[in-house]
Protein backbone atom coordinates (compact mmCIF):
# COMPACT_ATOMS: atom_id res chain seq x y z
CA UNK A 1 -144.86 3.15 -171.05
CA UNK A 2 -140.91 4.66 -171.09
CA UNK A 3 -139.27 4.67 -167.50
CA UNK A 4 -137.40 7.81 -166.77
CA UNK A 5 -135.86 9.58 -163.78
CA UNK A 6 -137.70 12.65 -162.74
CA UNK A 7 -135.80 15.36 -160.12
CA UNK A 8 -137.29 18.06 -158.15
CA UNK A 9 -136.38 21.39 -159.41
CA UNK A 10 -137.45 24.67 -158.10
CA UNK A 11 -138.11 27.26 -161.31
CA UNK A 12 -139.33 30.74 -161.38
CA UNK A 13 -142.12 32.20 -163.63
CA UNK A 14 -144.09 34.37 -164.61
CA UNK A 15 -147.32 34.35 -162.13
CA UNK A 16 -149.82 35.05 -164.59
CA UNK A 17 -147.57 32.13 -166.72
CA UNK A 18 -148.50 29.81 -163.99
CA UNK A 19 -151.48 30.04 -163.71
CA UNK A 20 -151.86 29.25 -167.83
CA UNK A 21 -150.23 26.59 -166.85
CA UNK A 22 -151.69 24.62 -163.74
CA UNK A 23 -155.41 25.61 -165.50
CA UNK A 24 -154.14 23.60 -168.86
CA UNK A 25 -153.40 20.90 -166.64
CA UNK A 26 -155.99 20.20 -164.80
CA UNK A 27 -157.77 20.85 -168.35
CA UNK A 28 -155.80 17.84 -170.14
CA UNK A 29 -156.16 16.06 -166.92
CA UNK A 30 -152.08 16.15 -166.18
CA UNK A 31 -149.71 17.05 -163.71
CA UNK A 32 -148.17 20.71 -164.74
CA UNK A 33 -144.57 18.63 -164.68
CA UNK A 34 -145.91 16.18 -167.40
CA UNK A 35 -147.80 18.75 -168.93
CA UNK A 36 -143.58 20.85 -169.32
CA UNK A 37 -142.42 18.22 -170.23
CA UNK A 38 -144.76 17.65 -172.94
CA UNK A 39 -144.47 21.39 -174.28
CA UNK A 40 -140.65 20.77 -174.10
CA UNK A 41 -140.43 17.72 -176.39
CA UNK A 42 -142.43 18.83 -178.89
CA UNK A 43 -141.17 22.34 -179.19
CA UNK A 44 -137.41 20.34 -179.17
CA UNK A 45 -138.03 18.43 -182.40
CA UNK A 46 -139.98 21.44 -184.37
CA UNK A 47 -143.46 20.17 -183.52
CA UNK A 48 -146.37 21.86 -182.18
CA UNK A 49 -147.55 20.66 -178.71
CA UNK A 50 -151.74 21.95 -178.97
CA UNK A 51 -154.33 20.88 -180.90
CA UNK A 52 -156.68 23.80 -182.35
CA UNK A 53 -159.36 23.00 -179.41
CA UNK A 54 -156.72 22.66 -176.89
CA UNK A 55 -155.30 26.46 -177.90
CA UNK A 56 -158.67 28.28 -177.89
CA UNK A 57 -158.54 26.10 -174.05
CA UNK A 58 -155.25 28.15 -173.66
CA UNK A 59 -156.75 31.78 -174.80
CA UNK A 60 -159.66 31.40 -172.73
CA UNK A 61 -157.24 30.61 -169.99
CA UNK A 62 -155.08 33.37 -171.20
CA UNK A 63 -157.98 35.84 -170.47
CA UNK A 64 -158.96 34.39 -167.51
CA UNK A 65 -156.04 35.56 -165.52
CA UNK A 66 -154.52 37.78 -167.58
CA UNK A 67 -151.60 36.37 -169.29
CA UNK A 68 -150.85 39.54 -172.22
CA UNK A 69 -147.51 38.13 -172.71
CA UNK A 70 -146.71 36.20 -176.30
CA UNK A 71 -143.62 34.58 -177.99
CA UNK A 72 -142.05 37.75 -178.63
CA UNK A 73 -141.94 39.04 -175.40
CA UNK A 74 -140.07 36.03 -174.36
CA UNK A 75 -136.37 37.72 -173.70
CA UNK A 76 -137.89 41.30 -172.84
CA UNK A 77 -138.92 39.73 -169.73
CA UNK A 78 -136.93 41.46 -165.83
CA UNK A 79 -138.31 40.99 -162.77
CA UNK A 80 -140.25 43.09 -160.31
CA UNK A 81 -137.81 44.30 -157.39
CA UNK A 82 -139.44 42.49 -154.54
CA UNK A 83 -140.38 44.00 -151.65
CA UNK A 84 -138.17 43.20 -148.23
CA UNK A 85 -139.23 42.60 -145.37
CA UNK A 86 -138.40 45.03 -142.21
CA UNK A 87 -138.92 48.00 -145.34
CA UNK A 88 -140.22 51.23 -144.58
CA UNK A 89 -143.97 51.52 -145.03
CA UNK A 90 -145.41 54.01 -147.84
CA UNK A 91 -145.96 57.19 -146.45
CA UNK A 92 -148.76 58.38 -144.46
CA UNK A 93 -149.38 54.00 -143.94
CA UNK A 94 -148.23 52.79 -140.74
CA UNK A 95 -146.80 49.31 -140.37
CA UNK A 96 -148.54 46.68 -138.64
CA UNK A 97 -146.71 44.16 -136.27
């Protein structure tokens, strides 16, 4: 075992991608951080992080959670505007308090 210094971080990530990653971490009996570390360390060395069996599980998880994004989309993503608290309600619908 190699002892490391881990830090807590706040990372924003696409919602369905996060669901697939969490599902995969559960499937592999890993924490999400451990899974992400493994993916990154493999990628940094140009190695594939997943076996064929794991890729099949990822494909199933993508279907379950509606993830249609692929590698070609990675630098094309923009964040949808968020609804601000107190914003006007859509026409024809009253705001509840």
